[in-house]
């Protein structure tokens, strides 16, 4: 039962927006996440989004900074746009890696 990136690729693509919103300190619609991922993997997806979001950005005072490239300060909207436009592929690869790890751990 191999779990490769090609199986997680479509899921991670759909989760990029949720990750960028979380990393930008914006709210996430959990019901929409459940519709996108399916109820069986929604909890794992939310945990992965929260853990990766902590790695991607940091909050200093009222400003957000990107941990991928070090740029900032950003507003919430600015950070969201920065992540979705400049770091889309980095976010996707981070999501794939974390999803694979989390799913493999939960299957044992």
N, C-alpha and C. Protein backbone atom coordinates (compact mmCIF):
# COMPACT_ATOMS: atom_id res chain seq x y z
N UNK A 1 0.84 -1.18 0.00
CA UNK A 1 0.00 0.00 0.00
C UNK A 1 0.89 1.24 0.00
N UNK A 2 1.35 1.64 -1.16
CA UNK A 2 2.22 2.81 -1.24
C UNK A 2 1.43 4.10 -1.30
N UNK A 3 1.90 5.06 -0.56
CA UNK A 3 1.25 6.37 -0.55
C UNK A 3 2.22 7.34 -1.20
N UNK A 4 2.02 7.64 -2.47
CA UNK A 4 2.96 8.50 -3.17
C UNK A 4 2.38 9.90 -3.40
N UNK A 5 3.22 10.77 -3.88
CA UNK A 5 2.85 12.17 -4.06
C UNK A 5 1.74 12.35 -5.08
N UNK A 6 1.66 11.46 -6.07
CA UNK A 6 0.63 11.63 -7.10
C UNK A 6 -0.78 11.45 -6.55
N UNK A 7 -0.93 10.65 -5.50
CA UNK A 7 -2.23 10.48 -4.88
C UNK A 7 -2.59 11.67 -3.99
N UNK A 8 -1.58 12.31 -3.41
CA UNK A 8 -1.82 13.45 -2.54
C UNK A 8 -1.80 14.78 -3.29
N UNK A 9 -1.38 14.75 -4.53
CA UNK A 9 -1.26 15.97 -5.32
C UNK A 9 -2.59 16.72 -5.46
N UNK A 10 -3.68 16.08 -5.86
CA UNK A 10 -4.94 16.82 -5.98
C UNK A 10 -5.45 17.37 -4.65
N UNK A 11 -5.28 16.60 -3.59
CA UNK A 11 -5.71 17.06 -2.27
C UNK A 11 -4.90 18.27 -1.82
N UNK A 12 -3.58 18.19 -1.96
CA UNK A 12 -2.74 19.31 -1.53
C UNK A 12 -3.02 20.57 -2.34
N UNK A 13 -3.34 20.40 -3.60
CA UNK A 13 -3.68 21.54 -4.46
C UNK A 13 -4.91 22.28 -3.92
N UNK A 14 -5.89 21.51 -3.45
CA UNK A 14 -7.11 22.11 -2.91
C UNK A 14 -6.91 22.71 -1.52
N UNK A 15 -5.85 22.29 -0.83
CA UNK A 15 -5.61 22.78 0.53
C UNK A 15 -4.73 24.03 0.59
N UNK A 16 -4.13 24.43 -0.52
CA UNK A 16 -3.23 25.58 -0.53
C UNK A 16 -3.94 26.84 -0.04
N UNK A 17 -5.15 27.07 -0.49
CA UNK A 17 -5.89 28.26 -0.09
C UNK A 17 -6.16 28.26 1.42
N UNK A 18 -6.54 27.11 1.95
CA UNK A 18 -6.79 27.00 3.39
C UNK A 18 -5.51 27.26 4.19
N UNK A 19 -4.40 26.72 3.70
CA UNK A 19 -3.12 26.93 4.37
C UNK A 19 -2.71 28.40 4.34
N UNK A 20 -2.85 29.04 3.19
CA UNK A 20 -2.49 30.46 3.08
C UNK A 20 -3.37 31.32 3.99
N UNK A 21 -4.64 30.99 4.09
CA UNK A 21 -5.54 31.73 4.99
C UNK A 21 -5.11 31.55 6.45
N UNK A 22 -4.79 30.33 6.85
CA UNK A 22 -4.39 30.06 8.23
C UNK A 22 -3.06 30.75 8.55
N UNK A 23 -2.11 30.70 7.63
CA UNK A 23 -0.81 31.33 7.83
C UNK A 23 -0.92 32.84 7.87
N UNK A 24 -1.99 33.39 7.31
CA UNK A 24 -2.21 34.83 7.30
C UNK A 24 -3.09 35.29 8.45
N UNK A 25 -3.33 34.41 9.41
CA UNK A 25 -4.19 34.70 10.56
C UNK A 25 -5.62 35.04 10.16
N UNK A 26 -6.06 34.48 9.05
CA UNK A 26 -7.45 34.61 8.63
C UNK A 26 -8.20 33.36 9.08
N UNK A 27 -9.51 33.47 9.14
CA UNK A 27 -10.30 32.32 9.60
C UNK A 27 -10.48 31.30 8.46
N UNK A 28 -10.64 30.06 8.88
CA UNK A 28 -10.88 28.96 7.94
C UNK A 28 -12.29 28.44 8.16
N UNK A 29 -13.02 28.25 7.09
CA UNK A 29 -14.35 27.67 7.15
C UNK A 29 -14.19 26.15 7.20
N UNK A 30 -14.36 25.57 8.38
CA UNK A 30 -14.15 24.14 8.58
C UNK A 30 -15.17 23.32 7.79
N UNK A 31 -16.38 23.83 7.66
CA UNK A 31 -17.39 23.12 6.88
C UNK A 31 -16.99 23.05 5.41
N UNK A 32 -16.44 24.12 4.89
CA UNK A 32 -15.96 24.12 3.50
C UNK A 32 -14.78 23.17 3.35
N UNK A 33 -13.89 23.15 4.35
CA UNK A 33 -12.76 22.22 4.33
C UNK A 33 -13.26 20.78 4.30
N UNK A 34 -14.28 20.48 5.08
CA UNK A 34 -14.85 19.14 5.12
C UNK A 34 -15.45 18.75 3.77
N UNK A 35 -16.06 19.71 3.08
CA UNK A 35 -16.62 19.45 1.75
C UNK A 35 -15.49 19.17 0.75
N UNK A 36 -14.43 19.93 0.84
CA UNK A 36 -13.31 19.80 -0.10
C UNK A 36 -12.55 18.49 0.11
N UNK A 37 -12.31 18.12 1.37
CA UNK A 37 -11.48 16.96 1.66
C UNK A 37 -12.27 15.67 1.86
N UNK A 38 -13.51 15.80 2.24
CA UNK A 38 -14.28 14.62 2.64
C UNK A 38 -14.19 14.50 4.15
N UNK A 39 -15.20 13.95 4.76
CA UNK A 39 -15.25 13.91 6.22
C UNK A 39 -14.21 13.00 6.83
N UNK A 40 -13.77 11.98 6.09
CA UNK A 40 -12.82 11.01 6.65
C UNK A 40 -11.43 11.59 6.86
N UNK A 41 -11.01 12.53 6.04
CA UNK A 41 -9.66 13.07 6.14
C UNK A 41 -9.64 14.54 6.58
N UNK A 42 -10.79 15.09 6.90
CA UNK A 42 -10.87 16.50 7.27
C UNK A 42 -10.07 16.82 8.52
N UNK A 43 -10.14 15.97 9.53
CA UNK A 43 -9.41 16.22 10.78
C UNK A 43 -7.90 16.22 10.55
N UNK A 44 -7.42 15.24 9.81
CA UNK A 44 -5.99 15.16 9.50
C UNK A 44 -5.57 16.37 8.68
N UNK A 45 -6.38 16.76 7.72
CA UNK A 45 -6.07 17.92 6.88
C UNK A 45 -5.98 19.19 7.71
N UNK A 46 -6.89 19.37 8.64
CA UNK A 46 -6.87 20.56 9.49
C UNK A 46 -5.63 20.58 10.37
N UNK A 47 -5.25 19.44 10.92
CA UNK A 47 -4.03 19.36 11.74
C UNK A 47 -2.79 19.69 10.91
N UNK A 48 -2.74 19.18 9.70
CA UNK A 48 -1.61 19.46 8.81
C UNK A 48 -1.56 20.94 8.45
N UNK A 49 -2.70 21.52 8.13
CA UNK A 49 -2.76 22.94 7.80
C UNK A 49 -2.25 23.78 8.96
N UNK A 50 -2.69 23.47 10.17
CA UNK A 50 -2.26 24.24 11.33
C UNK A 50 -0.77 24.10 11.60
N UNK A 51 -0.22 22.90 11.45
CA UNK A 51 1.21 22.72 11.72
C UNK A 51 2.08 23.38 10.66
N UNK A 52 1.69 23.29 9.40
CA UNK A 52 2.47 23.91 8.32
C UNK A 52 2.35 25.43 8.39
N UNK A 53 1.19 25.94 8.76
CA UNK A 53 0.99 27.39 8.85
C UNK A 53 1.94 28.01 9.87
N UNK A 54 2.22 27.29 10.95
CA UNK A 54 3.16 27.79 11.96
C UNK A 54 4.58 27.88 11.42
N UNK A 55 4.91 27.01 10.48
CA UNK A 55 6.24 27.02 9.88
C UNK A 55 6.38 28.10 8.81
N UNK A 56 5.29 28.43 8.16
CA UNK A 56 5.32 29.32 6.99
C UNK A 56 5.41 30.79 7.35
N UNK A 57 4.73 31.20 8.41
CA UNK A 57 4.71 32.62 8.75
C UNK A 57 4.89 32.82 10.24
N UNK A 58 5.27 34.04 10.58
CA UNK A 58 5.40 34.39 12.00
C UNK A 58 4.78 35.76 12.22
N UNK A 59 4.27 35.97 13.41
CA UNK A 59 3.63 37.21 13.79
C UNK A 59 4.56 37.96 14.73
N UNK A 60 4.91 39.17 14.35
CA UNK A 60 5.73 40.04 15.19
C UNK A 60 4.96 41.33 15.40
N UNK A 61 4.44 41.49 16.60
CA UNK A 61 3.57 42.64 16.86
C UNK A 61 2.28 42.46 16.10
N UNK A 62 1.98 43.41 15.24
CA UNK A 62 0.77 43.32 14.42
C UNK A 62 1.10 42.96 12.97
N UNK A 63 2.37 42.65 12.69
CA UNK A 63 2.79 42.38 11.32
C UNK A 63 3.15 40.92 11.13
N UNK A 64 2.90 40.44 9.94
CA UNK A 64 3.23 39.07 9.56
C UNK A 64 4.48 39.06 8.70
N UNK A 65 5.31 38.03 8.88
CA UNK A 65 6.52 37.86 8.11
C UNK A 65 6.54 36.46 7.52
N UNK A 66 7.09 36.34 6.32
CA UNK A 66 7.19 35.06 5.63
C UNK A 66 8.45 34.34 6.09
N UNK A 67 8.30 33.13 6.57
CA UNK A 67 9.45 32.34 6.99
C UNK A 67 10.12 31.61 5.82
N UNK A 68 9.49 31.60 4.67
CA UNK A 68 10.07 30.94 3.51
C UNK A 68 11.15 31.83 2.88
N UNK A 69 10.83 33.11 2.69
CA UNK A 69 11.79 34.01 2.04
C UNK A 69 12.25 35.14 2.94
N UNK A 70 11.62 35.31 4.11
CA UNK A 70 12.03 36.34 5.05
C UNK A 70 11.45 37.72 4.79
N UNK A 71 10.59 37.84 3.79
CA UNK A 71 10.03 39.16 3.49
C UNK A 71 8.93 39.54 4.46
N UNK A 72 8.68 40.81 4.55
CA UNK A 72 7.64 41.35 5.42
C UNK A 72 7.98 42.77 5.76
N UNK A 73 7.24 43.46 6.49
CA UNK A 73 6.00 43.04 7.14
C UNK A 73 4.82 43.07 6.17
N UNK A 74 3.84 42.22 6.47
CA UNK A 74 2.63 42.12 5.66
C UNK A 74 1.40 42.29 6.54
N UNK A 75 0.33 42.79 5.91
CA UNK A 75 -0.99 42.72 6.54
C UNK A 75 -1.51 41.30 6.31
N UNK A 76 -2.66 40.99 6.86
CA UNK A 76 -3.25 39.67 6.64
C UNK A 76 -3.47 39.41 5.15
N UNK A 77 -4.06 40.39 4.49
CA UNK A 77 -4.33 40.25 3.06
C UNK A 77 -3.04 40.17 2.26
N UNK A 78 -2.07 40.99 2.62
CA UNK A 78 -0.79 41.00 1.93
C UNK A 78 -0.07 39.67 2.07
N UNK A 79 -0.12 39.09 3.26
CA UNK A 79 0.52 37.80 3.49
C UNK A 79 -0.16 36.70 2.68
N UNK A 80 -1.49 36.73 2.68
CA UNK A 80 -2.24 35.75 1.90
C UNK A 80 -1.86 35.83 0.42
N UNK A 81 -1.85 37.03 -0.13
CA UNK A 81 -1.50 37.21 -1.54
C UNK A 81 -0.06 36.81 -1.81
N UNK A 82 0.85 37.15 -0.91
CA UNK A 82 2.26 36.79 -1.06
C UNK A 82 2.41 35.27 -1.12
N UNK A 83 1.78 34.58 -0.20
CA UNK A 83 1.92 33.12 -0.16
C UNK A 83 1.30 32.45 -1.38
N UNK A 84 0.12 32.88 -1.77
CA UNK A 84 -0.56 32.22 -2.90
C UNK A 84 0.08 32.56 -4.25
N UNK A 85 0.72 33.70 -4.36
CA UNK A 85 1.33 34.09 -5.63
C UNK A 85 2.79 33.67 -5.76
N UNK A 86 3.55 33.80 -4.68
CA UNK A 86 4.99 33.53 -4.77
C UNK A 86 5.39 32.14 -4.28
N UNK A 87 4.68 31.60 -3.33
CA UNK A 87 5.11 30.35 -2.70
C UNK A 87 4.13 29.20 -2.86
N UNK A 88 3.33 29.25 -3.90
CA UNK A 88 2.30 28.22 -4.10
C UNK A 88 2.91 26.81 -4.16
N UNK A 89 4.01 26.65 -4.88
CA UNK A 89 4.60 25.33 -5.05
C UNK A 89 5.32 24.86 -3.79
N UNK A 90 5.90 25.78 -3.04
CA UNK A 90 6.51 25.41 -1.77
C UNK A 90 5.44 24.94 -0.78
N UNK A 91 4.32 25.67 -0.75
CA UNK A 91 3.22 25.29 0.13
C UNK A 91 2.69 23.90 -0.25
N UNK A 92 2.56 23.67 -1.53
CA UNK A 92 2.06 22.39 -2.01
C UNK A 92 2.99 21.25 -1.60
N UNK A 93 4.29 21.42 -1.77
CA UNK A 93 5.22 20.36 -1.41
C UNK A 93 5.25 20.13 0.10
N UNK A 94 5.13 21.21 0.89
CA UNK A 94 5.07 21.06 2.35
C UNK A 94 3.81 20.30 2.76
N UNK A 95 2.69 20.61 2.12
CA UNK A 95 1.44 19.91 2.41
C UNK A 95 1.55 18.43 2.06
N UNK A 96 2.10 18.12 0.91
CA UNK A 96 2.24 16.72 0.51
C UNK A 96 3.09 15.95 1.52
N UNK A 97 4.21 16.54 1.90
CA UNK A 97 5.11 15.88 2.86
C UNK A 97 4.40 15.63 4.20
N UNK A 98 3.76 16.67 4.74
CA UNK A 98 3.11 16.54 6.04
C UNK A 98 1.90 15.60 5.99
N UNK A 99 1.13 15.66 4.90
CA UNK A 99 0.00 14.75 4.76
C UNK A 99 0.46 13.30 4.73
N UNK A 100 1.52 13.04 3.97
CA UNK A 100 2.05 11.68 3.88
C UNK A 100 2.48 11.19 5.26
N UNK A 101 3.21 12.03 5.99
CA UNK A 101 3.68 11.65 7.33
C UNK A 101 2.50 11.39 8.27
N UNK A 102 1.53 12.27 8.26
CA UNK A 102 0.39 12.17 9.18
C UNK A 102 -0.47 10.94 8.85
N UNK A 103 -0.70 10.70 7.58
CA UNK A 103 -1.53 9.55 7.17
C UNK A 103 -0.82 8.25 7.50
N UNK A 104 0.48 8.19 7.25
CA UNK A 104 1.22 6.96 7.55
C UNK A 104 1.24 6.69 9.06
N UNK A 105 1.38 7.74 9.87
CA UNK A 105 1.37 7.56 11.32
C UNK A 105 0.00 7.10 11.82
N UNK A 106 -1.06 7.62 11.21
CA UNK A 106 -2.40 7.26 11.67
C UNK A 106 -2.83 5.88 11.21
N UNK A 107 -2.18 5.34 10.20
CA UNK A 107 -2.55 4.02 9.70
C UNK A 107 -1.92 2.89 10.50
N UNK A 108 -0.97 3.20 11.37
CA UNK A 108 -0.34 2.16 12.19
C UNK A 108 -1.01 2.02 13.51
